[in-house]
C-alpha atoms as a PDB file:
ATOM      1  CA  MET A   1     -53.598   5.074  -2.870  1.00  0.00           C
ATOM      2  CA  ASN A   2     -50.268   6.834  -2.739  1.00  0.00           C
ATOM      3  CA  ASN A   3     -49.394   9.059  -5.711  1.00  0.00           C
ATOM      4  CA  SER A   4     -46.038   7.320  -6.215  1.00  0.00           C
ATOM      5  CA  ILE A   5     -47.774   3.936  -6.413  1.00  0.00           C
ATOM      6  CA  ARG A   6     -50.291   5.285  -8.931  1.00  0.00           C
ATOM      7  CA  LYS A   7     -47.475   6.722 -11.016  1.00  0.00           C
ATOM      8  CA  TYR A   8     -45.616   3.418 -10.941  1.00  0.00           C
ATOM      9  CA  ILE A   9     -48.724   1.464 -12.032  1.00  0.00           C
ATOM     10  CA  TYR A  10     -49.363   3.963 -14.826  1.00  0.00           C
ATOM     11  CA  ILE A  11     -45.809   3.613 -16.125  1.00  0.00           C
ATOM     12  CA  CYS A  12     -45.997  -0.208 -16.051  1.00  0.00           C
ATOM     13  CA  MET A  13     -49.299  -0.194 -17.957  1.00  0.00           C
ATOM     14  CA  SER A  14     -47.907   2.216 -20.532  1.00  0.00           C
ATOM     15  CA  VAL A  15     -44.828   0.069 -21.103  1.00  0.00           C
ATOM     16  CA  PHE A  16     -46.952  -3.092 -21.371  1.00  0.00           C
ATOM     17  CA  LEU A  17     -49.320  -1.548 -23.897  1.00  0.00           C
ATOM     18  CA  GLY A  18     -46.407  -0.151 -25.880  1.00  0.00           C
ATOM     19  CA  LEU A  19     -44.702  -3.539 -26.083  1.00  0.00           C
ATOM     20  CA  THR A  20     -47.960  -5.231 -27.036  1.00  0.00           C
ATOM     21  CA  PHE A  21     -48.578  -2.727 -29.801  1.00  0.00           C
ATOM     22  CA  ALA A  22     -45.002  -2.980 -31.037  1.00  0.00           C
ATOM     23  CA  SER A  23     -45.150  -6.767 -31.216  1.00  0.00           C
ATOM     24  CA  CYS A  24     -48.180  -6.628 -33.519  1.00  0.00           C
ATOM     25  CA  ASN A  25     -47.132  -3.602 -35.514  1.00  0.00           C
ATOM     26  CA  SER A  26     -45.864  -4.474 -38.974  1.00  0.00           C
ATOM     27  CA  SER A  27     -45.200  -0.997 -40.351  1.00  0.00           C
ATOM     28  CA  ASP A  28     -42.035   1.051 -40.289  1.00  0.00           C
ATOM     29  CA  SER A  29     -41.603   4.706 -39.334  1.00  0.00           C
ATOM     30  CA  LYS A  30     -42.484   5.914 -42.847  1.00  0.00           C
ATOM     31  CA  GLY A  31     -45.858   4.174 -42.817  1.00  0.00           C
ATOM     32  CA  GLU A  32     -44.798   1.509 -45.338  1.00  0.00           C
ATOM     33  CA  SER A  33     -45.491  -2.102 -44.573  1.00  0.00           C
ATOM     34  CA  LYS A  34     -42.564  -4.272 -43.534  1.00  0.00           C
ATOM     35  CA  LEU A  35     -44.487  -7.393 -44.538  1.00  0.00           C
ATOM     36  CA  VAL A  36     -45.669  -8.022 -48.086  1.00  0.00           C
ATOM     37  CA  ILE A  37     -47.236 -10.932 -49.929  1.00  0.00           C
ATOM     38  CA  ASN A  38     -44.392 -12.234 -52.054  1.00  0.00           C
ATOM     39  CA  GLU A  39     -45.559 -15.394 -53.821  1.00  0.00           C
ATOM     40  CA  VAL A  40     -48.725 -17.488 -54.088  1.00  0.00           C
ATOM     41  CA  LEU A  41     -49.235 -21.019 -55.405  1.00  0.00           C
ATOM     42  CA  VAL A  42     -52.845 -21.962 -56.021  1.00  0.00           C
ATOM     43  CA  ASN A  43     -52.920 -25.448 -57.558  1.00  0.00           C
ATOM     44  CA  ASN A  44     -50.349 -27.593 -55.756  1.00  0.00           C
ATOM     45  CA  VAL A  45     -50.156 -31.042 -57.340  1.00  0.00           C
ATOM     46  CA  ALA A  46     -46.523 -32.125 -57.021  1.00  0.00           C
ATOM     47  CA  ASN A  47     -44.854 -29.049 -55.579  1.00  0.00           C
ATOM     48  CA  PHE A  48     -43.686 -28.276 -52.061  1.00  0.00           C
ATOM     49  CA  GLN A  49     -45.195 -30.418 -49.280  1.00  0.00           C
ATOM     50  CA  ASP A  50     -46.262 -29.235 -45.865  1.00  0.00           C
ATOM     51  CA  ASP A  51     -45.217 -30.735 -42.528  1.00  0.00           C
ATOM     52  CA  TYR A  52     -47.969 -33.366 -42.911  1.00  0.00           C
ATOM     53  CA  GLY A  53     -46.734 -34.474 -46.336  1.00  0.00           C
ATOM     54  CA  GLN A  54     -49.746 -32.925 -48.094  1.00  0.00           C
ATOM     55  CA  HIS A  55     -49.815 -30.815 -51.253  1.00  0.00           C
ATOM     56  CA  SER A  56     -51.793 -27.631 -50.638  1.00  0.00           C
ATOM     57  CA  GLY A  57     -51.820 -24.100 -51.895  1.00  0.00           C
ATOM     58  CA  TRP A  58     -49.595 -21.702 -50.021  1.00  0.00           C
ATOM     59  CA  ILE A  59     -49.040 -17.995 -49.435  1.00  0.00           C
ATOM     60  CA  GLU A  60     -45.536 -16.642 -48.920  1.00  0.00           C
ATOM     61  CA  ILE A  61     -44.992 -13.474 -46.844  1.00  0.00           C
ATOM     62  CA  PHE A  62     -41.712 -11.590 -47.027  1.00  0.00           C
ATOM     63  CA  ASN A  63     -40.188  -9.188 -44.489  1.00  0.00           C
ATOM     64  CA  LYS A  64     -38.540  -6.563 -46.655  1.00  0.00           C
ATOM     65  CA  SER A  65     -37.103  -4.538 -43.770  1.00  0.00           C
ATOM     66  CA  TYR A  66     -33.790  -4.983 -41.960  1.00  0.00           C
ATOM     67  CA  GLY A  67     -35.488  -5.552 -38.604  1.00  0.00           C
ATOM     68  CA  SER A  68     -37.622  -8.387 -37.289  1.00  0.00           C
ATOM     69  CA  ALA A  69     -41.397  -8.245 -37.710  1.00  0.00           C
ATOM     70  CA  ASN A  70     -43.993 -10.235 -35.799  1.00  0.00           C
ATOM     71  CA  LEU A  71     -46.997 -11.692 -37.592  1.00  0.00           C
ATOM     72  CA  ALA A  72     -48.763 -12.617 -34.352  1.00  0.00           C
ATOM     73  CA  GLY A  73     -52.115 -10.856 -34.165  1.00  0.00           C
ATOM     74  CA  CYS A  74     -52.258 -10.152 -37.906  1.00  0.00           C
ATOM     75  CA  TYR A  75     -55.003 -11.327 -40.286  1.00  0.00           C
ATOM     76  CA  ILE A  76     -54.906 -13.114 -43.631  1.00  0.00           C
ATOM     77  CA  LYS A  77     -58.063 -12.661 -45.689  1.00  0.00           C
ATOM     78  CA  VAL A  78     -58.870 -14.602 -48.851  1.00  0.00           C
ATOM     79  CA  SER A  79     -61.742 -13.984 -51.247  1.00  0.00           C
ATOM     80  CA  SER A  80     -62.532 -15.843 -54.463  1.00  0.00           C
ATOM     81  CA  GLN A  81     -66.016 -14.389 -54.952  1.00  0.00           C
ATOM     82  CA  ALA A  82     -67.537 -10.995 -54.330  1.00  0.00           C
ATOM     83  CA  GLY A  83     -68.774 -10.734 -50.741  1.00  0.00           C
ATOM     84  CA  ASP A  84     -67.278 -14.091 -49.771  1.00  0.00           C
ATOM     85  CA  THR A  85     -64.200 -13.379 -47.648  1.00  0.00           C
ATOM     86  CA  SER A  86     -62.543 -15.780 -45.235  1.00  0.00           C
ATOM     87  CA  SER A  87     -60.443 -14.337 -42.431  1.00  0.00           C
ATOM     88  CA  TYR A  88     -57.673 -16.109 -40.524  1.00  0.00           C
ATOM     89  CA  PHE A  89     -56.290 -14.694 -37.278  1.00  0.00           C
ATOM     90  CA  ILE A  90     -52.617 -15.562 -36.775  1.00  0.00           C
ATOM     91  CA  PRO A  91     -52.452 -16.696 -33.143  1.00  0.00           C
ATOM     92  CA  LYS A  92     -50.031 -15.342 -30.586  1.00  0.00           C
ATOM     93  CA  GLY A  93     -47.546 -17.329 -28.557  1.00  0.00           C
ATOM     94  CA  ASP A  94     -45.683 -18.994 -31.424  1.00  0.00           C
ATOM     95  CA  VAL A  95     -42.068 -17.845 -31.674  1.00  0.00           C
ATOM     96  CA  LEU A  96     -41.976 -18.810 -35.353  1.00  0.00           C
ATOM     97  CA  THR A  97     -44.313 -15.924 -36.218  1.00  0.00           C
ATOM     98  CA  VAL A  98     -41.350 -13.561 -35.781  1.00  0.00           C
ATOM     99  CA  VAL A  99     -39.984 -13.072 -39.293  1.00  0.00           C
ATOM    100  CA  LYS A 100     -36.293 -12.228 -39.347  1.00  0.00           C
ATOM    101  CA  PRO A 101     -34.925  -9.436 -41.585  1.00  0.00           C
ATOM    102  CA  ARG A 102     -35.199 -10.187 -45.315  1.00  0.00           C
ATOM    103  CA  GLN A 103     -36.691 -13.633 -44.663  1.00  0.00           C
ATOM    104  CA  HIS A 104     -39.825 -15.500 -45.736  1.00  0.00           C
ATOM    105  CA  THR A 105     -42.720 -17.263 -44.009  1.00  0.00           C
ATOM    106  CA  LEU A 106     -45.053 -19.769 -45.647  1.00  0.00           C
ATOM    107  CA  PHE A 107     -48.759 -20.223 -44.823  1.00  0.00           C
ATOM    108  CA  TRP A 108     -50.630 -23.276 -46.104  1.00  0.00           C
ATOM    109  CA  ALA A 109     -54.092 -22.596 -47.528  1.00  0.00           C
ATOM    110  CA  ASP A 110     -55.516 -26.043 -46.749  1.00  0.00           C
ATOM    111  CA  GLY A 111     -58.539 -25.011 -44.665  1.00  0.00           C
ATOM    112  CA  GLN A 112     -57.312 -26.915 -41.612  1.00  0.00           C
ATOM    113  CA  PRO A 113     -56.146 -24.422 -38.953  1.00  0.00           C
ATOM    114  CA  ASN A 114     -56.109 -27.171 -36.335  1.00  0.00           C
ATOM    115  CA  ARG A 115     -52.877 -28.461 -37.880  1.00  0.00           C
ATOM    116  CA  GLY A 116     -50.854 -25.520 -36.613  1.00  0.00           C
ATOM    117  CA  THR A 117     -50.217 -21.808 -36.699  1.00  0.00           C
ATOM    118  CA  PHE A 118     -49.212 -21.780 -40.360  1.00  0.00           C
ATOM    119  CA  HIS A 119     -52.287 -23.628 -41.656  1.00  0.00           C
ATOM    120  CA  ILE A 120     -55.038 -21.137 -42.410  1.00  0.00           C
ATOM    121  CA  ASN A 121     -58.780 -21.755 -42.598  1.00  0.00           C
ATOM    122  CA  CYS A 122     -58.952 -20.728 -46.257  1.00  0.00           C
ATOM    123  CA  VAL A 123     -58.666 -22.655 -49.518  1.00  0.00           C
ATOM    124  CA  LEU A 124     -57.584 -21.007 -52.765  1.00  0.00           C
ATOM    125  CA  ASP A 125     -59.746 -21.313 -55.864  1.00  0.00           C
ATOM    126  CA  THR A 126     -57.891 -23.243 -58.586  1.00  0.00           C
ATOM    127  CA  ILE A 127     -60.222 -22.003 -61.350  1.00  0.00           C
ATOM    128  CA  GLY A 128     -61.222 -18.419 -60.609  1.00  0.00           C
ATOM    129  CA  SER A 129     -59.271 -15.426 -59.323  1.00  0.00           C
ATOM    130  CA  ASN A 130     -58.113 -15.078 -55.723  1.00  0.00           C
ATOM    131  CA  TRP A 131     -57.862 -11.876 -53.730  1.00  0.00           C
ATOM    132  CA  ILE A 132     -55.494 -12.101 -50.755  1.00  0.00           C
ATOM    133  CA  GLY A 133     -55.019  -9.397 -48.133  1.00  0.00           C
ATOM    134  CA  LEU A 134     -52.686  -9.080 -45.154  1.00  0.00           C
ATOM    135  CA  TYR A 135     -53.884  -6.937 -42.225  1.00  0.00           C
ATOM    136  CA  ASP A 136     -52.188  -5.942 -38.992  1.00  0.00           C
ATOM    137  CA  SER A 137     -53.714  -6.323 -35.532  1.00  0.00           C
ATOM    138  CA  GLY A 138     -55.601  -3.041 -35.963  1.00  0.00           C
ATOM    139  CA  LYS A 139     -57.306  -4.267 -39.152  1.00  0.00           C
ATOM    140  CA  LYS A 140     -55.076  -1.981 -41.227  1.00  0.00           C
ATOM    141  CA  LEU A 141     -54.325  -3.275 -44.723  1.00  0.00           C
ATOM    142  CA  LEU A 142     -50.615  -3.990 -45.108  1.00  0.00           C
ATOM    143  CA  ASP A 143     -50.597  -5.569 -48.556  1.00  0.00           C
ATOM    144  CA  SER A 144     -53.031  -7.166 -50.992  1.00  0.00           C
ATOM    145  CA  ILE A 145     -52.805  -8.901 -54.360  1.00  0.00           C
ATOM    146  CA  THR A 146     -55.153 -10.492 -56.848  1.00  0.00           C
ATOM    147  CA  VAL A 147     -54.115 -13.730 -58.510  1.00  0.00           C
ATOM    148  CA  PRO A 148     -55.748 -13.567 -61.951  1.00  0.00           C
ATOM    149  CA  ALA A 149     -57.925 -16.411 -63.127  1.00  0.00           C
ATOM    150  CA  LYS A 150     -56.842 -18.817 -65.883  1.00  0.00           C
ATOM    151  CA  THR A 151     -53.250 -17.624 -65.628  1.00  0.00           C
ATOM    152  CA  LEU A 152     -51.595 -20.305 -63.557  1.00  0.00           C
ATOM    153  CA  GLY A 153     -51.386 -23.958 -64.401  1.00  0.00           C
ATOM    154  CA  ARG A 154     -50.543 -26.871 -62.185  1.00  0.00           C
ATOM    155  CA  ASP A 155     -47.640 -26.205 -59.778  1.00  0.00           C
ATOM    156  CA  MET A 156     -47.275 -22.639 -61.064  1.00  0.00           C
ATOM    157  CA  SER A 157     -47.034 -19.634 -58.758  1.00  0.00           C
ATOM    158  CA  TRP A 158     -47.896 -15.958 -59.020  1.00  0.00           C
ATOM    159  CA  ALA A 159     -44.821 -14.181 -57.646  1.00  0.00           C
ATOM    160  CA  ARG A 160     -42.977 -10.923 -57.643  1.00  0.00           C
ATOM    161  CA  VAL A 161     -40.081 -10.738 -60.102  1.00  0.00           C
ATOM    162  CA  SER A 162     -37.750 -10.259 -57.137  1.00  0.00           C
ATOM    163  CA  ASP A 163     -38.425 -10.029 -53.417  1.00  0.00           C
ATOM    164  CA  ALA A 164     -40.701  -7.049 -52.609  1.00  0.00           C
ATOM    165  CA  ALA A 165     -40.651  -5.850 -56.245  1.00  0.00           C
ATOM    166  CA  ASN A 166     -43.699  -4.205 -57.808  1.00  0.00           C
ATOM    167  CA  GLU A 167     -43.746  -6.388 -60.931  1.00  0.00           C
ATOM    168  CA  TRP A 168     -45.408  -9.802 -60.863  1.00  0.00           C
ATOM    169  CA  GLU A 169     -44.967 -12.832 -63.087  1.00  0.00           C
ATOM    170  CA  ALA A 170     -46.056 -16.442 -63.412  1.00  0.00           C
ATOM    171  CA  LYS A 171     -43.339 -18.870 -62.300  1.00  0.00           C
ATOM    172  CA  GLY A 172     -43.056 -22.511 -63.236  1.00  0.00           C
ATOM    173  CA  LYS A 173     -43.501 -22.342 -66.998  1.00  0.00           C
ATOM    174  CA  GLU A 174     -39.803 -22.750 -67.783  1.00  0.00           C
ATOM    175  CA  GLU A 175     -36.786 -24.187 -66.015  1.00  0.00           C
ATOM    176  CA  SER A 176     -35.233 -20.734 -65.727  1.00  0.00           C
ATOM    177  CA  SER A 177     -38.324 -19.398 -63.934  1.00  0.00           C
ATOM    178  CA  TYR A 178     -39.069 -21.932 -61.226  1.00  0.00           C
ATOM    179  CA  VAL A 179     -41.224 -21.762 -58.101  1.00  0.00           C
ATOM    180  CA  THR A 180     -39.340 -20.589 -54.991  1.00  0.00           C
ATOM    181  CA  PRO A 181     -41.217 -21.296 -51.724  1.00  0.00           C
ATOM    182  CA  SER A 182     -39.550 -19.864 -48.589  1.00  0.00           C
ATOM    183  CA  THR A 183     -36.609 -18.494 -50.552  1.00  0.00           C
ATOM    184  CA  ASN A 184     -35.630 -15.603 -52.822  1.00  0.00           C
ATOM    185  CA  ASN A 185     -37.801 -15.136 -55.889  1.00  0.00           C
ATOM    186  CA  GLN A 186     -34.819 -14.249 -58.023  1.00  0.00           C
ATOM    187  CA  THR A 187     -31.939 -16.712 -57.750  1.00  0.00           C
ATOM    188  CA  LEU A 188     -28.629 -15.936 -59.426  1.00  0.00           C
ATOM    189  CA  ASP A 189     -27.179 -19.038 -61.060  1.00  0.00           C
ATOM    190  CA  LYS A 190     -23.894 -17.388 -62.014  1.00  0.00           C
ATOM    191  CA  ASN A 191     -21.540 -14.623 -60.954  1.00  0.00           C
ATOM    192  CA  VAL A 192     -21.055 -12.033 -63.695  1.00  0.00           C
ATOM    193  CA  LYS A 193     -17.838 -10.634 -62.201  1.00  0.00           C
ATOM    194  CA  MET A 194     -16.259 -14.070 -61.925  1.00  0.00           C
ATOM    195  CA  ASP A 195     -17.201 -14.879 -65.502  1.00  0.00           C
ATOM    196  CA  LYS A 196     -15.582 -11.675 -66.759  1.00  0.00           C
ATOM    197  CA  PHE A 197     -12.441 -12.310 -64.721  1.00  0.00           C
ATOM    198  CA  GLN A 198     -12.205 -15.847 -66.061  1.00  0.00           C
ATOM    199  CA  GLU A 199     -12.646 -14.541 -69.593  1.00  0.00           C
ATOM    200  CA  HIS A 200      -9.706 -12.122 -69.261  1.00  0.00           C
ATOM    201  CA  ASP A 201      -7.498 -14.457 -67.199  1.00  0.00           C
ATOM    202  CA  LYS A 202      -8.005 -17.995 -68.468  1.00  0.00           C
ATOM    203  CA  ASN A 203      -4.805 -19.487 -67.020  1.00  0.00           C
ATOM    204  CA  GLY A 204      -5.005 -17.742 -63.656  1.00  0.00           C
ATOM    205  CA  PHE A 205      -1.652 -15.925 -63.830  1.00  0.00           C
ATOM    206  CA  GLY A 206      -3.246 -12.581 -63.045  1.00  0.00           C
ATOM    207  CA  MET A 207      -4.985 -14.036 -59.998  1.00  0.00           C
ATOM    208  CA  ALA A 208      -1.719 -15.547 -58.724  1.00  0.00           C
ATOM    209  CA  ILE A 209       0.242 -12.325 -59.197  1.00  0.00           C
ATOM    210  CA  SER A 210      -2.507 -10.261 -57.528  1.00  0.00           C
ATOM    211  CA  ALA A 211      -2.665 -12.612 -54.553  1.00  0.00           C
ATOM    212  CA  MET A 212       1.124 -12.598 -54.082  1.00  0.00           C
ATOM    213  CA  CYS A 213       1.227  -8.794 -54.280  1.00  0.00           C
ATOM    214  CA  VAL A 214      -1.480  -8.508 -51.647  1.00  0.00           C
ATOM    215  CA  VAL A 215       0.274 -10.948 -49.292  1.00  0.00           C
ATOM    216  CA  PHE A 216       3.727  -9.410 -49.604  1.00  0.00           C
ATOM    217  CA  SER A 217       2.334  -5.883 -49.298  1.00  0.00           C
ATOM    218  CA  GLY A 218       0.617  -6.876 -46.085  1.00  0.00           C
ATOM    219  CA  LEU A 219       3.811  -8.426 -44.701  1.00  0.00           C
ATOM    220  CA  ILE A 220       5.813  -5.289 -45.505  1.00  0.00           C
ATOM    221  CA  ILE A 221       3.225  -3.087 -43.809  1.00  0.00           C
ATOM    222  CA  LEU A 222       3.236  -5.304 -40.718  1.00  0.00           C
ATOM    223  CA  TYR A 223       7.048  -5.236 -40.572  1.00  0.00           C
ATOM    224  CA  ILE A 224       7.110  -1.430 -40.697  1.00  0.00           C
ATOM    225  CA  LEU A 225       4.414  -1.175 -38.036  1.00  0.00           C
ATOM    226  CA  PHE A 226       6.014  -3.613 -35.572  1.00  0.00           C
ATOM    227  CA  LYS A 227       9.439  -2.044 -36.057  1.00  0.00           C
ATOM    228  CA  ASN A 228       8.219   1.462 -35.298  1.00  0.00           C
ATOM    229  CA  ILE A 229       5.772   0.573 -32.517  1.00  0.00           C
ATOM    230  CA  GLY A 230       8.651  -0.349 -30.201  1.00  0.00           C
ATOM    231  CA  LYS A 231      10.502   2.865 -30.909  1.00  0.00           C
ATOM    232  CA  VAL A 232       7.407   4.954 -30.357  1.00  0.00           C
ATOM    233  CA  SER A 233       6.588   3.196 -27.067  1.00  0.00           C
ATOM    234  CA  ILE A 234      10.160   3.695 -25.772  1.00  0.00           C
ATOM    235  CA  TYR A 235      10.050   7.353 -26.725  1.00  0.00           C
ATOM    236  CA  LEU A 236       6.705   7.872 -24.970  1.00  0.00           C
ATOM    237  CA  SER A 237       7.876   6.092 -21.807  1.00  0.00           C
ATOM    238  CA  LYS A 238      11.047   8.228 -21.680  1.00  0.00           C
ATOM    239  CA  ARG A 239       9.052  11.397 -22.199  1.00  0.00           C
ATOM    240  CA  ASN A 240       6.599  10.493 -19.426  1.00  0.00           C
ATOM    241  CA  ALA A 241       9.476   9.613 -17.071  1.00  0.00           C
ATOM    242  CA  MET A 242      11.243  12.915 -17.810  1.00  0.00           C
ATOM    243  CA  LYS A 243       8.014  14.794 -17.204  1.00  0.00           C
ATOM    244  CA  ALA A 244       7.428  12.981 -13.906  1.00  0.00           C
ATOM    245  CA  LYS A 245      11.019  13.633 -12.675  1.00  0.00           C
ATOM    246  CA  GLY A 246      11.086  17.202 -13.972  1.00  0.00           C
ATOM    247  CA  VAL A 247      14.061  16.539 -16.266  1.00  0.00           C
ATOM    248  CA  THR A 248      14.282  18.494 -19.504  1.00  0.00           C
ATOM    249  CA  CYS A 249      17.725  17.516 -20.763  1.00  0.00           C
ATOM    250  CA  GLU A 250      17.789  14.313 -22.804  1.00  0.00           C
ATOM    251  CA  LYS A 251      21.449  13.695 -21.952  1.00  0.00           C
ATOM    252  CA  GLU A 252      20.676  13.794 -18.243  1.00  0.00           C
ATOM    253  CA  ALA A 253      17.676  11.492 -18.764  1.00  0.00           C
ATOM    254  CA  LYS A 254      19.902   9.060 -20.621  1.00  0.00           C
ATOM    255  CA  GLU A 255      22.457   9.063 -17.811  1.00  0.00           C
ATOM    256  CA  LYS A 256      19.742   8.397 -15.225  1.00  0.00           C
ATOM    257  CA  LYS A 257      18.174   5.757 -17.519  1.00  0.00           C
ATOM    258  CA  LEU A 258      14.732   7.269 -17.228  1.00  0.00           C
ATOM    259  CA  GLY A 259      11.989   5.261 -18.911  1.00  0.00           C
ATOM    260  CA  GLU A 260      14.205   2.223 -19.393  1.00  0.00           C
ATOM    261  CA  ALA A 261      12.883  -0.932 -17.793  1.00  0.00           C
ATOM    262  CA  GLN A 262      15.364  -3.372 -16.376  1.00  0.00           C
ATOM    263  CA  GLY A 263      15.669  -6.862 -17.751  1.00  0.00           C
ATOM    264  CA  GLU A 264      14.434  -8.409 -14.522  1.00  0.00           C
ATOM    265  CA  VAL A 265      11.246  -6.343 -14.619  1.00  0.00           C
ATOM    266  CA  ILE A 266      10.546  -7.316 -18.219  1.00  0.00           C
ATOM    267  CA  ALA A 267      11.194 -10.979 -17.429  1.00  0.00           C
ATOM    268  CA  ALA A 268       8.849 -10.888 -14.422  1.00  0.00           C
ATOM    269  CA  ILE A 269       6.055  -9.262 -16.440  1.00  0.00           C
ATOM    270  CA  SER A 270       6.513 -11.746 -19.296  1.00  0.00           C
ATOM    271  CA  MET A 271       6.410 -14.687 -16.890  1.00  0.00           C
ATOM    272  CA  ALA A 272       3.252 -13.366 -15.222  1.00  0.00           C
ATOM    273  CA  LEU A 273       1.526 -12.930 -18.596  1.00  0.00           C
ATOM    274  CA  HIS A 274       2.619 -16.417 -19.644  1.00  0.00           C
ATOM    275  CA  GLU A 275       1.174 -17.992 -16.502  1.00  0.00           C
ATOM    276  CA  LEU A 276      -2.042 -16.002 -16.871  1.00  0.00           C
ATOM    277  CA  GLN A 277      -2.613 -17.046 -20.481  1.00  0.00           C
ATOM    278  CA  ASN A 278      -1.666 -20.706 -20.053  1.00  0.00           C
ATOM    279  CA  GLY A 279      -3.417 -21.166 -16.728  1.00  0.00           C
ATOM    280  CA  ASP A 280      -0.266 -22.302 -14.902  1.00  0.00           C
ATOM    281  CA  HIS A 281      -1.111 -20.437 -11.722  1.00  0.00           C
ATOM    282  CA  ASP A 282      -2.569 -22.291  -8.751  1.00  0.00           C
ATOM    283  CA  TYR A 283      -6.232 -22.410  -7.833  1.00  0.00           C
ATOM    284  CA  GLU A 284      -7.200 -22.517  -4.207  1.00  0.00           C
ATOM    285  CA  GLU A 285      -9.524 -25.237  -2.979  1.00  0.00           C
ATOM    286  CA  THR A 286     -13.055 -23.865  -2.803  1.00  0.00           C
ATOM    287  CA  VAL A 287     -14.615 -26.831  -0.957  1.00  0.00           C
ATOM    288  CA  LEU A 288     -15.068 -26.281   2.785  1.00  0.00           C
ATOM    289  CA  THR A 289     -15.231 -29.521   4.785  1.00  0.00           C
ATOM    290  CA  ILE A 290     -16.438 -29.539   8.408  1.00  0.00           C
ATOM    291  CA  THR A 291     -15.715 -32.629  10.505  1.00  0.00           C
ATOM    292  CA  ARG A 292     -16.899 -33.345  14.020  1.00  0.00           C
ATOM    293  CA  VAL A 293     -14.218 -33.709  16.734  1.00  0.00           C
ATOM    294  CA  LYS A 294     -14.543 -37.022  18.524  1.00  0.00           C
ATOM    295  CA  ARG A 295     -13.287 -35.790  21.907  1.00  0.00           C
ATOM    296  CA  SER A 296     -14.450 -32.709  23.705  1.00  0.00           C
ATOM    297  CA  TYR A 297     -11.227 -30.784  23.443  1.00  0.00           C
ATOM    298  CA  SER A 298     -10.741 -27.135  22.759  1.00  0.00           C
ATOM    299  CA  PRO A 299      -7.432 -25.301  22.366  1.00  0.00           C
ATOM    300  CA  TRP A 300      -8.879 -22.447  24.423  1.00  0.00           C
ATOM    301  CA  SER A 301      -8.972 -24.682  27.514  1.00  0.00           C
ATOM    302  CA  SER A 302      -5.557 -26.173  26.931  1.00  0.00           C
ATOM    303  CA  LYS A 303      -2.947 -25.573  29.624  1.00  0.00           C
ATOM    304  CA  ILE A 304      -0.210 -24.867  27.113  1.00  0.00           C
ATOM    305  CA  TYR A 305      -2.026 -21.686  26.032  1.00  0.00           C
ATOM    306  CA  SER A 306      -2.644 -20.414  29.590  1.00  0.00           C
ATOM    307  CA  LEU A 307      -0.865 -17.284  30.846  1.00  0.00           C
ATOM    308  CA  ARG A 308       0.265 -18.906  34.091  1.00  0.00           C
ATOM    309  CA  GLU A 309       2.592 -21.873  34.089  1.00  0.00           C
ATOM    310  CA  THR A 310       2.232 -24.565  36.731  1.00  0.00           C
ATOM    311  CA  PRO A 311       5.457 -24.717  38.829  1.00  0.00           C
ATOM    312  CA  ASN A 312       7.392 -27.922  38.654  1.00  0.00           C
ATOM    313  CA  ARG A 313       7.721 -29.893  41.877  1.00  0.00           C
ATOM    314  CA  LYS A 314      11.167 -31.001  42.961  1.00  0.00           C
END
């Protein structure tokens, strides 16, 4: 085999292996995991339903990085008793396994993987504790948590205080701390800055005055810019024309009208730009039609195109 062909095959294999590894890799350059277990609901009675309309326990995974991460090829392991660990391999080929930056993915722990990619073959224990681990394609542990026993009631979840935070809490006890499947763990119900502004400006006069000042300031700035842009462009065109003609005296350049475009030139350019923007210019026909000639006649054999004329008889 030729050396160039071997080199080409080696490069292709290296690129393929690199892309395959990158698609299953869920760690960033610092060694930290992009994907973390964010929230777990064990006893689902009347909470979120799956795509089959069933209530099952679920595991939420969060991509805390600002780049996409692919879960294809990763493993989810669940253990409720010592030495009893169930492992679920996330299959490849599903585009939904790509988790976008700062987004969530939900896996249903219903023990029925035949229902789809996001239905694992594990069931969470509603009475005892549950250990859950997330592994990459190389069986490297990315993240793991332990849901304590006798801590969660019906439709309560064990979740991080905020997305990817280190502190955990039980959600669902109160209305202010509700379960958040496939969304942010900490939801802001009010805007502190808006509340403070409304407190200091109840009637809205300050907002109106600020808005008017911003608008008029912008208009003044635009007026100054447009007024000076024309002068600067005329000055630059005159300077370039004087440099091209070798003229150094401004009075002489003014007499020769260097850099000054005539009105007809400006009108022609404006008309061309107008036609280009509005599509007023013509478009040539792009359809070529070939028709068969009924009689065998060719202009090359015509007498009127011959070099010698037939003399007229008298």
